[in-house]
């Protein structure tokens, strides 16, 4: 048996700066609370309270307030589009909140693996949400809705990537201007 000191293996789990400190940061906790709250809102929106009859009534009220009358077929199509847009939007927001939570609430820098994790988590939650709707009276499960939810989360990550690229391009232009000004 050797009495020489040995370096402990590095696993990443015992490194407080990457694991413990980030998870206990108040900003990180706030991101996770907001993300879980949004997930709860999605779950609540899948109850019979937010079925098609409520959205028909809401759309009729808005159109009536604006003094707009539509043919029944046009109204049905608009109602369908609004409900699908709601799916797209709620899961785009969910994916962005997941991205912020997984990033520890710091640096919204582009991380492809984090983006893929966010899409995967949003898809998994969408599948469980559709399963939940299968057991709710007046609601039904739909893989098409899950596809729209997936598209929403992917669109959010695409917009995040585009924003990152725009920031990079502006930074490189600014650096090039400063460099050319310094050469003069």
N, C-alpha and C. Protein backbone atom coordinates (compact mmCIF):
# COMPACT_ATOMS: atom_id res chain seq x y z
N UNK A 1 0.85 -1.18 0.00
CA UNK A 1 0.00 0.00 0.00
C UNK A 1 0.88 1.23 0.00
N UNK A 2 0.58 2.12 -0.90
CA UNK A 2 1.38 3.34 -1.05
C UNK A 2 0.78 4.45 -0.21
N UNK A 3 1.63 5.21 0.45
CA UNK A 3 1.17 6.34 1.26
C UNK A 3 1.27 7.66 0.51
N UNK A 4 1.60 7.61 -0.73
CA UNK A 4 1.70 8.85 -1.50
C UNK A 4 0.31 9.41 -1.77
N UNK A 5 0.21 10.72 -1.68
CA UNK A 5 -1.10 11.32 -1.95
C UNK A 5 -1.47 11.14 -3.42
N UNK A 6 -2.72 10.84 -3.62
CA UNK A 6 -3.21 10.66 -4.99
C UNK A 6 -4.24 11.73 -5.29
N UNK A 7 -4.21 12.14 -6.50
CA UNK A 7 -5.19 13.13 -6.94
C UNK A 7 -6.54 12.44 -7.09
N UNK A 8 -7.56 13.07 -6.58
CA UNK A 8 -8.91 12.51 -6.69
C UNK A 8 -9.37 12.61 -8.14
N UNK A 9 -10.11 11.64 -8.60
CA UNK A 9 -10.60 11.71 -9.99
C UNK A 9 -11.56 12.88 -10.17
N UNK A 10 -11.50 13.49 -11.32
CA UNK A 10 -12.37 14.61 -11.63
C UNK A 10 -13.60 14.09 -12.36
N UNK A 11 -14.75 14.26 -11.74
CA UNK A 11 -16.00 13.81 -12.35
C UNK A 11 -16.87 14.97 -12.78
N UNK A 12 -16.59 16.15 -12.25
CA UNK A 12 -17.44 17.30 -12.55
C UNK A 12 -18.53 17.47 -11.51
N UNK A 13 -18.89 16.38 -10.80
CA UNK A 13 -19.95 16.48 -9.81
C UNK A 13 -19.46 17.11 -8.51
N UNK A 14 -18.20 16.96 -8.21
CA UNK A 14 -17.69 17.52 -6.97
C UNK A 14 -17.12 18.93 -7.16
N UNK A 15 -17.23 19.47 -8.34
CA UNK A 15 -16.72 20.80 -8.63
C UNK A 15 -17.83 21.81 -8.36
N UNK A 16 -17.77 22.51 -7.25
CA UNK A 16 -18.82 23.42 -6.83
C UNK A 16 -19.05 24.55 -7.83
N UNK A 17 -17.99 24.98 -8.51
CA UNK A 17 -18.16 26.11 -9.43
C UNK A 17 -19.02 25.76 -10.64
N UNK A 18 -19.08 24.51 -11.04
CA UNK A 18 -19.89 24.17 -12.20
C UNK A 18 -21.22 23.54 -11.83
N UNK A 19 -21.32 22.99 -10.63
CA UNK A 19 -22.57 22.30 -10.30
C UNK A 19 -23.33 23.00 -9.18
N UNK A 20 -22.77 23.04 -8.02
CA UNK A 20 -23.49 23.55 -6.86
C UNK A 20 -23.79 25.03 -6.92
N UNK A 21 -22.83 25.83 -7.30
CA UNK A 21 -23.03 27.27 -7.29
C UNK A 21 -24.08 27.69 -8.30
N UNK A 22 -24.11 27.08 -9.46
CA UNK A 22 -25.08 27.46 -10.48
C UNK A 22 -26.49 27.08 -10.06
N UNK A 23 -26.65 25.92 -9.45
CA UNK A 23 -27.99 25.46 -9.10
C UNK A 23 -28.58 26.23 -7.93
N UNK A 24 -27.76 26.86 -7.09
CA UNK A 24 -28.25 27.62 -5.94
C UNK A 24 -28.30 29.12 -6.19
N UNK A 25 -27.90 29.55 -7.36
CA UNK A 25 -27.92 30.96 -7.70
C UNK A 25 -29.37 31.45 -7.77
N UNK A 26 -29.70 32.59 -7.12
CA UNK A 26 -31.08 33.08 -7.15
C UNK A 26 -31.62 33.31 -8.56
N UNK A 27 -30.78 33.76 -9.48
CA UNK A 27 -31.23 33.98 -10.86
C UNK A 27 -31.60 32.64 -11.49
N UNK A 28 -30.80 31.63 -11.26
CA UNK A 28 -31.08 30.30 -11.79
C UNK A 28 -32.38 29.74 -11.21
N UNK A 29 -32.56 29.94 -9.92
CA UNK A 29 -33.79 29.46 -9.27
C UNK A 29 -35.00 30.17 -9.86
N UNK A 30 -34.88 31.47 -10.10
CA UNK A 30 -35.99 32.22 -10.69
C UNK A 30 -36.31 31.72 -12.10
N UNK A 31 -35.28 31.41 -12.89
CA UNK A 31 -35.50 30.84 -14.23
C UNK A 31 -36.27 29.53 -14.11
N UNK A 32 -35.85 28.66 -13.20
CA UNK A 32 -36.52 27.36 -13.06
C UNK A 32 -37.95 27.51 -12.55
N UNK A 33 -38.19 28.44 -11.63
CA UNK A 33 -39.56 28.67 -11.14
C UNK A 33 -40.44 29.15 -12.29
N UNK A 34 -39.91 30.07 -13.09
CA UNK A 34 -40.68 30.58 -14.24
C UNK A 34 -40.95 29.47 -15.25
N UNK A 35 -39.95 28.64 -15.51
CA UNK A 35 -40.11 27.54 -16.46
C UNK A 35 -41.15 26.54 -15.96
N UNK A 36 -41.07 26.18 -14.69
CA UNK A 36 -42.04 25.24 -14.13
C UNK A 36 -43.44 25.86 -14.08
N UNK A 37 -43.50 27.16 -13.82
CA UNK A 37 -44.79 27.86 -13.85
C UNK A 37 -45.41 27.83 -15.25
N UNK A 38 -44.55 28.03 -16.26
CA UNK A 38 -45.04 27.98 -17.64
C UNK A 38 -45.52 26.57 -17.99
N UNK A 39 -44.78 25.56 -17.54
CA UNK A 39 -45.20 24.17 -17.76
C UNK A 39 -46.55 23.92 -17.09
N UNK A 40 -46.74 24.47 -15.90
CA UNK A 40 -48.03 24.35 -15.22
C UNK A 40 -49.15 25.03 -15.98
N UNK A 41 -48.85 26.19 -16.57
CA UNK A 41 -49.84 26.90 -17.38
C UNK A 41 -50.22 26.08 -18.61
N UNK A 42 -49.23 25.45 -19.23
CA UNK A 42 -49.51 24.58 -20.38
C UNK A 42 -50.42 23.43 -19.94
N UNK A 43 -50.10 22.83 -18.80
CA UNK A 43 -50.91 21.72 -18.28
C UNK A 43 -52.34 22.18 -18.01
N UNK A 44 -52.48 23.35 -17.37
CA UNK A 44 -53.81 23.89 -17.06
C UNK A 44 -54.57 24.22 -18.35
N UNK A 45 -53.86 24.68 -19.36
CA UNK A 45 -54.51 25.00 -20.64
C UNK A 45 -55.03 23.75 -21.34
N UNK A 46 -54.57 22.59 -20.91
CA UNK A 46 -55.01 21.33 -21.51
C UNK A 46 -56.24 20.75 -20.83
N UNK A 47 -56.79 21.47 -19.89
CA UNK A 47 -57.99 20.99 -19.22
C UNK A 47 -59.22 21.35 -20.05
N UNK A 48 -60.37 20.85 -19.64
CA UNK A 48 -61.60 21.11 -20.38
C UNK A 48 -62.00 22.58 -20.32
N UNK A 49 -61.47 23.34 -19.37
CA UNK A 49 -61.76 24.76 -19.27
C UNK A 49 -61.35 25.51 -20.53
N UNK A 50 -60.24 25.10 -21.13
CA UNK A 50 -59.70 25.80 -22.29
C UNK A 50 -59.95 25.04 -23.59
N UNK A 51 -61.07 24.38 -23.68
CA UNK A 51 -61.42 23.66 -24.89
C UNK A 51 -61.84 24.59 -26.01
N UNK A 52 -62.31 24.01 -27.08
CA UNK A 52 -62.70 24.77 -28.26
C UNK A 52 -63.86 25.72 -28.02
N UNK A 53 -64.77 25.36 -27.12
CA UNK A 53 -65.92 26.24 -26.88
C UNK A 53 -65.50 27.57 -26.28
N UNK A 54 -64.51 27.55 -25.40
CA UNK A 54 -64.03 28.80 -24.81
C UNK A 54 -63.37 29.68 -25.87
N UNK A 55 -62.54 29.09 -26.70
CA UNK A 55 -61.84 29.90 -27.70
C UNK A 55 -62.80 30.40 -28.79
N UNK A 56 -63.85 29.62 -29.08
CA UNK A 56 -64.87 30.11 -30.02
C UNK A 56 -65.54 31.34 -29.43
N UNK A 57 -65.92 31.26 -28.17
CA UNK A 57 -66.58 32.38 -27.51
C UNK A 57 -65.66 33.60 -27.47
N UNK A 58 -64.37 33.40 -27.09
CA UNK A 58 -63.43 34.52 -27.04
C UNK A 58 -63.25 35.17 -28.41
N UNK A 59 -63.12 34.36 -29.45
CA UNK A 59 -62.95 34.90 -30.79
C UNK A 59 -64.20 35.66 -31.23
N UNK A 60 -65.38 35.14 -30.90
CA UNK A 60 -66.62 35.85 -31.23
C UNK A 60 -66.69 37.19 -30.52
N UNK A 61 -66.25 37.24 -29.27
CA UNK A 61 -66.26 38.50 -28.51
C UNK A 61 -65.31 39.51 -29.13
N UNK A 62 -64.11 39.07 -29.49
CA UNK A 62 -63.13 39.99 -30.07
C UNK A 62 -63.61 40.51 -31.42
N UNK A 63 -64.11 39.62 -32.25
CA UNK A 63 -64.60 40.04 -33.56
C UNK A 63 -65.82 40.95 -33.42
N UNK A 64 -66.70 40.66 -32.46
CA UNK A 64 -67.86 41.52 -32.21
C UNK A 64 -67.44 42.90 -31.74
N UNK A 65 -66.47 42.95 -30.86
CA UNK A 65 -65.96 44.23 -30.37
C UNK A 65 -65.38 45.06 -31.51
N UNK A 66 -64.72 44.40 -32.47
CA UNK A 66 -64.12 45.09 -33.61
C UNK A 66 -65.12 45.29 -34.75
N UNK A 67 -66.38 44.88 -34.53
CA UNK A 67 -67.43 45.00 -35.55
C UNK A 67 -67.06 44.28 -36.84
N UNK A 68 -66.52 43.07 -36.70
CA UNK A 68 -66.13 42.25 -37.85
C UNK A 68 -67.04 41.03 -37.86
N UNK A 69 -67.62 40.79 -39.03
CA UNK A 69 -68.42 39.56 -39.17
C UNK A 69 -67.79 38.71 -40.27
N UNK A 70 -67.73 37.40 -39.99
CA UNK A 70 -67.10 36.46 -40.92
C UNK A 70 -68.09 35.38 -41.31
N UNK A 71 -67.88 34.83 -42.48
CA UNK A 71 -68.66 33.67 -42.89
C UNK A 71 -68.30 32.51 -41.96
N UNK A 72 -69.23 31.58 -41.73
CA UNK A 72 -68.95 30.47 -40.80
C UNK A 72 -67.69 29.68 -41.16
N UNK A 73 -67.46 29.44 -42.43
CA UNK A 73 -66.26 28.71 -42.84
C UNK A 73 -64.99 29.48 -42.54
N UNK A 74 -65.02 30.79 -42.78
CA UNK A 74 -63.87 31.64 -42.50
C UNK A 74 -63.61 31.71 -41.00
N UNK A 75 -64.71 31.81 -40.22
CA UNK A 75 -64.57 31.84 -38.77
C UNK A 75 -63.95 30.54 -38.26
N UNK A 76 -64.42 29.41 -38.78
CA UNK A 76 -63.88 28.11 -38.35
C UNK A 76 -62.40 28.00 -38.70
N UNK A 77 -62.02 28.47 -39.88
CA UNK A 77 -60.61 28.43 -40.29
C UNK A 77 -59.76 29.33 -39.39
N UNK A 78 -60.23 30.55 -39.11
CA UNK A 78 -59.51 31.47 -38.24
C UNK A 78 -59.36 30.89 -36.84
N UNK A 79 -60.43 30.27 -36.35
CA UNK A 79 -60.40 29.63 -35.02
C UNK A 79 -59.35 28.52 -35.00
N UNK A 80 -59.33 27.71 -36.04
CA UNK A 80 -58.35 26.62 -36.15
C UNK A 80 -56.92 27.19 -36.13
N UNK A 81 -56.68 28.22 -36.94
CA UNK A 81 -55.34 28.83 -37.01
C UNK A 81 -54.91 29.41 -35.66
N UNK A 82 -55.83 30.08 -34.97
CA UNK A 82 -55.48 30.66 -33.68
C UNK A 82 -55.13 29.60 -32.65
N UNK A 83 -55.86 28.49 -32.65
CA UNK A 83 -55.57 27.41 -31.69
C UNK A 83 -54.21 26.78 -31.99
N UNK A 84 -53.88 26.61 -33.27
CA UNK A 84 -52.58 26.03 -33.62
C UNK A 84 -51.45 27.02 -33.35
N UNK A 85 -51.71 28.30 -33.58
CA UNK A 85 -50.72 29.33 -33.27
C UNK A 85 -50.45 29.38 -31.76
N UNK A 86 -51.49 29.12 -30.98
CA UNK A 86 -51.31 29.06 -29.51
C UNK A 86 -50.36 27.92 -29.15
N UNK A 87 -50.51 26.76 -29.79
CA UNK A 87 -49.59 25.63 -29.55
C UNK A 87 -48.16 26.04 -29.89
N UNK A 88 -47.99 26.62 -31.06
CA UNK A 88 -46.67 27.01 -31.53
C UNK A 88 -46.02 28.00 -30.56
N UNK A 89 -46.78 29.00 -30.14
CA UNK A 89 -46.28 30.05 -29.27
C UNK A 89 -45.96 29.54 -27.88
N UNK A 90 -46.85 28.74 -27.29
CA UNK A 90 -46.62 28.31 -25.91
C UNK A 90 -45.39 27.40 -25.82
N UNK A 91 -45.13 26.61 -26.84
CA UNK A 91 -43.95 25.74 -26.79
C UNK A 91 -42.68 26.47 -27.22
N UNK A 92 -42.80 27.53 -28.01
CA UNK A 92 -41.63 28.36 -28.30
C UNK A 92 -41.18 29.05 -27.01
N UNK A 93 -42.12 29.59 -26.27
CA UNK A 93 -41.80 30.21 -24.99
C UNK A 93 -41.23 29.19 -24.01
N UNK A 94 -41.81 28.01 -23.99
CA UNK A 94 -41.34 26.96 -23.09
C UNK A 94 -39.89 26.59 -23.40
N UNK A 95 -39.56 26.46 -24.68
CA UNK A 95 -38.19 26.12 -25.07
C UNK A 95 -37.22 27.23 -24.68
N UNK A 96 -37.62 28.49 -24.86
CA UNK A 96 -36.75 29.60 -24.47
C UNK A 96 -36.54 29.63 -22.96
N UNK A 97 -37.60 29.37 -22.21
CA UNK A 97 -37.46 29.32 -20.75
C UNK A 97 -36.56 28.16 -20.33
N UNK A 98 -36.70 27.03 -21.00
CA UNK A 98 -35.82 25.90 -20.71
C UNK A 98 -34.37 26.27 -21.00
N UNK A 99 -34.14 26.97 -22.10
CA UNK A 99 -32.77 27.38 -22.46
C UNK A 99 -32.18 28.27 -21.37
N UNK A 100 -32.96 29.22 -20.91
CA UNK A 100 -32.49 30.09 -19.84
C UNK A 100 -32.23 29.32 -18.56
N UNK A 101 -33.09 28.37 -18.25
CA UNK A 101 -32.93 27.57 -17.03
C UNK A 101 -31.71 26.68 -17.12
N UNK A 102 -31.53 26.02 -18.25
CA UNK A 102 -30.38 25.13 -18.40
C UNK A 102 -29.07 25.91 -18.49
N UNK A 103 -29.15 27.18 -18.87
CA UNK A 103 -27.96 28.03 -18.93
C UNK A 103 -27.65 28.66 -17.58
N UNK A 104 -28.46 28.36 -16.59
CA UNK A 104 -28.26 28.93 -15.26
C UNK A 104 -28.66 30.39 -15.19
N UNK A 105 -29.40 30.87 -16.18
CA UNK A 105 -29.84 32.25 -16.19
C UNK A 105 -28.76 33.23 -16.57
N UNK A 106 -27.64 32.74 -17.00
CA UNK A 106 -26.52 33.61 -17.36
C UNK A 106 -26.18 33.40 -18.83
N UNK A 107 -25.55 34.37 -19.41
CA UNK A 107 -25.03 34.26 -20.77
C UNK A 107 -25.97 33.54 -21.73
N UNK A 108 -26.72 34.27 -22.47
CA UNK A 108 -27.58 33.64 -23.47
C UNK A 108 -26.78 33.35 -24.73
N UNK A 109 -25.56 32.89 -24.55
CA UNK A 109 -24.71 32.54 -25.69
C UNK A 109 -25.24 31.27 -26.34
N UNK A 110 -24.99 31.12 -27.60
CA UNK A 110 -25.49 29.97 -28.35
C UNK A 110 -24.74 28.71 -27.96
N UNK A 111 -25.51 27.71 -27.55
CA UNK A 111 -24.95 26.39 -27.21
C UNK A 111 -25.82 25.35 -27.92
N UNK A 112 -25.30 24.74 -28.99
CA UNK A 112 -26.12 23.80 -29.77
C UNK A 112 -26.65 22.62 -28.94
N UNK A 113 -25.83 22.08 -28.06
CA UNK A 113 -26.29 20.94 -27.24
C UNK A 113 -27.42 21.34 -26.31
N UNK A 114 -27.29 22.53 -25.73
CA UNK A 114 -28.36 23.01 -24.85
C UNK A 114 -29.64 23.22 -25.66
N UNK A 115 -29.51 23.75 -26.86
CA UNK A 115 -30.67 23.95 -27.72
C UNK A 115 -31.35 22.62 -28.05
N UNK A 116 -30.55 21.61 -28.37
CA UNK A 116 -31.13 20.29 -28.66
C UNK A 116 -31.79 19.69 -27.43
N UNK A 117 -31.20 19.89 -26.26
CA UNK A 117 -31.82 19.41 -25.02
C UNK A 117 -33.16 20.09 -24.79
N UNK A 118 -33.21 21.38 -25.07
CA UNK A 118 -34.45 22.13 -24.88
C UNK A 118 -35.55 21.62 -25.81
N UNK A 119 -35.20 21.37 -27.05
CA UNK A 119 -36.17 20.84 -27.99
C UNK A 119 -36.63 19.46 -27.53
N UNK A 120 -35.70 18.61 -27.12
CA UNK A 120 -36.05 17.26 -26.66
C UNK A 120 -36.95 17.31 -25.42
N UNK A 121 -36.64 18.19 -24.47
CA UNK A 121 -37.48 18.31 -23.28
C UNK A 121 -38.87 18.85 -23.63
N UNK A 122 -38.93 19.81 -24.54
CA UNK A 122 -40.23 20.35 -24.96
C UNK A 122 -41.05 19.29 -25.67
N UNK A 123 -40.42 18.48 -26.51
CA UNK A 123 -41.13 17.40 -27.20
C UNK A 123 -41.64 16.38 -26.19
N UNK A 124 -40.81 16.01 -25.24
CA UNK A 124 -41.23 15.05 -24.22
C UNK A 124 -42.41 15.59 -23.42
N UNK A 125 -42.35 16.87 -23.05
CA UNK A 125 -43.46 17.46 -22.30
C UNK A 125 -44.71 17.54 -23.17
N UNK A 126 -44.54 17.82 -24.45
CA UNK A 126 -45.67 17.87 -25.37
C UNK A 126 -46.36 16.51 -25.46
N UNK A 127 -45.56 15.46 -25.54
CA UNK A 127 -46.14 14.11 -25.59
C UNK A 127 -46.92 13.78 -24.32
N UNK A 128 -46.38 14.16 -23.16
CA UNK A 128 -47.10 13.90 -21.91
C UNK A 128 -48.36 14.77 -21.82
N UNK A 129 -48.29 15.98 -22.38
CA UNK A 129 -49.45 16.86 -22.38
C UNK A 129 -50.56 16.28 -23.26
N UNK A 130 -50.19 15.76 -24.41
CA UNK A 130 -51.20 15.14 -25.28
C UNK A 130 -51.78 13.88 -24.63
N UNK A 131 -50.95 13.12 -23.94
CA UNK A 131 -51.45 11.96 -23.19
C UNK A 131 -52.44 12.41 -22.13
N UNK A 132 -52.12 13.48 -21.44
CA UNK A 132 -53.02 14.04 -20.43
C UNK A 132 -54.36 14.41 -21.06
N UNK A 133 -54.33 15.02 -22.25
CA UNK A 133 -55.56 15.43 -22.92
C UNK A 133 -56.42 14.24 -23.33
N UNK A 134 -55.80 13.08 -23.52
CA UNK A 134 -56.58 11.89 -23.89
C UNK A 134 -57.54 11.49 -22.78
N UNK A 135 -57.25 11.90 -21.56
CA UNK A 135 -58.09 11.53 -20.42
C UNK A 135 -58.98 12.67 -19.93
N UNK A 136 -58.95 13.81 -20.64
CA UNK A 136 -59.75 14.96 -20.26
C UNK A 136 -61.03 14.98 -21.10
N UNK A 137 -62.21 15.01 -20.45
CA UNK A 137 -63.46 15.06 -21.22
C UNK A 137 -63.52 16.31 -22.10
N UNK A 138 -63.90 16.11 -23.34
CA UNK A 138 -64.00 17.23 -24.28
C UNK A 138 -62.70 17.57 -24.98
N UNK A 139 -61.62 16.91 -24.62
CA UNK A 139 -60.33 17.13 -25.26
C UNK A 139 -59.87 15.82 -25.87
N UNK A 140 -58.89 15.88 -26.73
CA UNK A 140 -58.36 14.67 -27.35
C UNK A 140 -56.87 14.80 -27.62
N UNK A 141 -56.22 13.68 -27.64
CA UNK A 141 -54.78 13.66 -27.94
C UNK A 141 -54.58 13.80 -29.44
N UNK A 142 -53.52 14.50 -29.82
CA UNK A 142 -53.25 14.70 -31.24
C UNK A 142 -51.75 14.74 -31.48
N UNK A 143 -51.26 13.83 -32.29
CA UNK A 143 -49.85 13.86 -32.65
C UNK A 143 -49.54 15.06 -33.54
N UNK A 144 -50.53 15.53 -34.26
CA UNK A 144 -50.34 16.74 -35.08
C UNK A 144 -50.04 17.94 -34.18
N UNK A 145 -50.76 18.04 -33.06
CA UNK A 145 -50.48 19.12 -32.11
C UNK A 145 -49.08 18.98 -31.53
N UNK A 146 -48.66 17.75 -31.28
CA UNK A 146 -47.30 17.51 -30.79
C UNK A 146 -46.28 17.96 -31.84
N UNK A 147 -46.57 17.73 -33.11
CA UNK A 147 -45.69 18.21 -34.18
C UNK A 147 -45.61 19.73 -34.22
N UNK A 148 -46.75 20.39 -33.99
CA UNK A 148 -46.77 21.85 -33.95
C UNK A 148 -45.98 22.35 -32.75
N UNK A 149 -46.12 21.67 -31.62
CA UNK A 149 -45.36 22.03 -30.42
C UNK A 149 -43.86 21.88 -30.68
N UNK A 150 -43.49 20.81 -31.36
CA UNK A 150 -42.08 20.58 -31.71
C UNK A 150 -41.58 21.69 -32.63
N UNK A 151 -42.39 22.05 -33.60
CA UNK A 151 -42.02 23.13 -34.51
C UNK A 151 -41.84 24.44 -33.75
N UNK A 152 -42.69 24.69 -32.77
CA UNK A 152 -42.57 25.90 -31.95
C UNK A 152 -41.27 25.95 -31.18
N UNK A 153 -40.90 24.82 -30.56
CA UNK A 153 -39.65 24.80 -29.79
C UNK A 153 -38.44 24.91 -30.72
N UNK A 154 -38.50 24.26 -31.88
CA UNK A 154 -37.40 24.36 -32.84
C UNK A 154 -37.30 25.78 -33.41
N UNK A 155 -38.43 26.41 -33.67
CA UNK A 155 -38.43 27.79 -34.16
C UNK A 155 -37.80 28.73 -33.14
N UNK A 156 -38.11 28.53 -31.87
CA UNK A 156 -37.52 29.37 -30.82
C UNK A 156 -36.01 29.22 -30.80
N UNK A 157 -35.52 28.00 -30.93
CA UNK A 157 -34.07 27.79 -30.92
C UNK A 157 -33.43 28.37 -32.18
N UNK A 158 -34.15 28.30 -33.31
CA UNK A 158 -33.65 28.90 -34.54
C UNK A 158 -33.56 30.42 -34.41
N UNK A 159 -34.57 31.03 -33.80
CA UNK A 159 -34.54 32.48 -33.58
C UNK A 159 -33.42 32.86 -32.60
N UNK A 160 -33.21 32.04 -31.60
CA UNK A 160 -32.11 32.29 -30.67
C UNK A 160 -30.77 32.23 -31.39
N UNK A 161 -30.62 31.23 -32.26
CA UNK A 161 -29.39 31.11 -33.05
C UNK A 161 -29.22 32.31 -33.97
N UNK A 162 -30.30 32.73 -34.63
CA UNK A 162 -30.22 33.88 -35.53
C UNK A 162 -29.83 35.14 -34.75
N UNK A 163 -30.39 35.32 -33.58
CA UNK A 163 -30.02 36.46 -32.75
C UNK A 163 -28.55 36.42 -32.36
N UNK A 164 -28.07 35.22 -32.04
CA UNK A 164 -26.65 35.05 -31.70
C UNK A 164 -25.77 35.43 -32.88
N UNK A 165 -26.13 34.98 -34.08
CA UNK A 165 -25.34 35.29 -35.28
C UNK A 165 -25.35 36.79 -35.57
N UNK A 166 -26.47 37.44 -35.38
CA UNK A 166 -26.56 38.89 -35.61
C UNK A 166 -25.63 39.62 -34.65
N UNK A 167 -25.65 39.22 -33.39
CA UNK A 167 -24.76 39.84 -32.40
C UNK A 167 -23.30 39.62 -32.78
N UNK A 168 -22.96 38.42 -33.24
CA UNK A 168 -21.59 38.12 -33.67
C UNK A 168 -21.18 38.99 -34.85
N UNK A 169 -22.06 39.12 -35.83
CA UNK A 169 -21.75 39.93 -37.02
C UNK A 169 -21.55 41.39 -36.64
N UNK A 170 -22.40 41.91 -35.77
CA UNK A 170 -22.24 43.31 -35.34
C UNK A 170 -20.94 43.51 -34.59
N UNK A 171 -20.59 42.55 -33.75
CA UNK A 171 -19.34 42.65 -32.99
C UNK A 171 -18.14 42.61 -33.93
N UNK A 172 -18.19 41.76 -34.95
CA UNK A 172 -17.05 41.69 -35.87
C UNK A 172 -16.97 42.95 -36.72
N UNK A 173 -18.10 43.53 -37.09
CA UNK A 173 -18.09 44.80 -37.84
C UNK A 173 -17.51 45.93 -36.98
N UNK A 174 -17.92 45.97 -35.72
CA UNK A 174 -17.41 47.00 -34.83
C UNK A 174 -15.91 46.85 -34.64
N UNK A 175 -15.46 45.60 -34.48
CA UNK A 175 -14.02 45.36 -34.32
C UNK A 175 -13.26 45.75 -35.58
N UNK A 176 -13.83 45.46 -36.75
CA UNK A 176 -13.18 45.82 -38.01
C UNK A 176 -13.10 47.33 -38.17
N UNK A 177 -14.15 48.04 -37.76
CA UNK A 177 -14.14 49.51 -37.84
C UNK A 177 -13.08 50.10 -36.92
N UNK A 178 -13.01 49.55 -35.71
CA UNK A 178 -12.00 50.03 -34.77
C UNK A 178 -10.60 49.76 -35.28
N UNK A 179 -10.41 48.61 -35.88
CA UNK A 179 -9.10 48.24 -36.42
C UNK A 179 -8.71 49.16 -37.58
N UNK A 180 -9.66 49.43 -38.47
CA UNK A 180 -9.35 50.31 -39.60
C UNK A 180 -9.13 51.75 -39.14
N UNK A 181 -9.83 52.17 -38.10
CA UNK A 181 -9.64 53.51 -37.56
C UNK A 181 -8.27 53.63 -36.89
N UNK A 182 -7.83 52.56 -36.25
CA UNK A 182 -6.52 52.56 -35.59
C UNK A 182 -5.38 52.58 -36.60
N UNK A 183 -5.60 52.00 -37.79
CA UNK A 183 -4.57 51.97 -38.83
C UNK A 183 -4.40 53.32 -39.49
N UNK A 184 -5.41 54.15 -39.44
CA UNK A 184 -5.35 55.46 -40.10
C UNK A 184 -4.49 56.36 -39.34
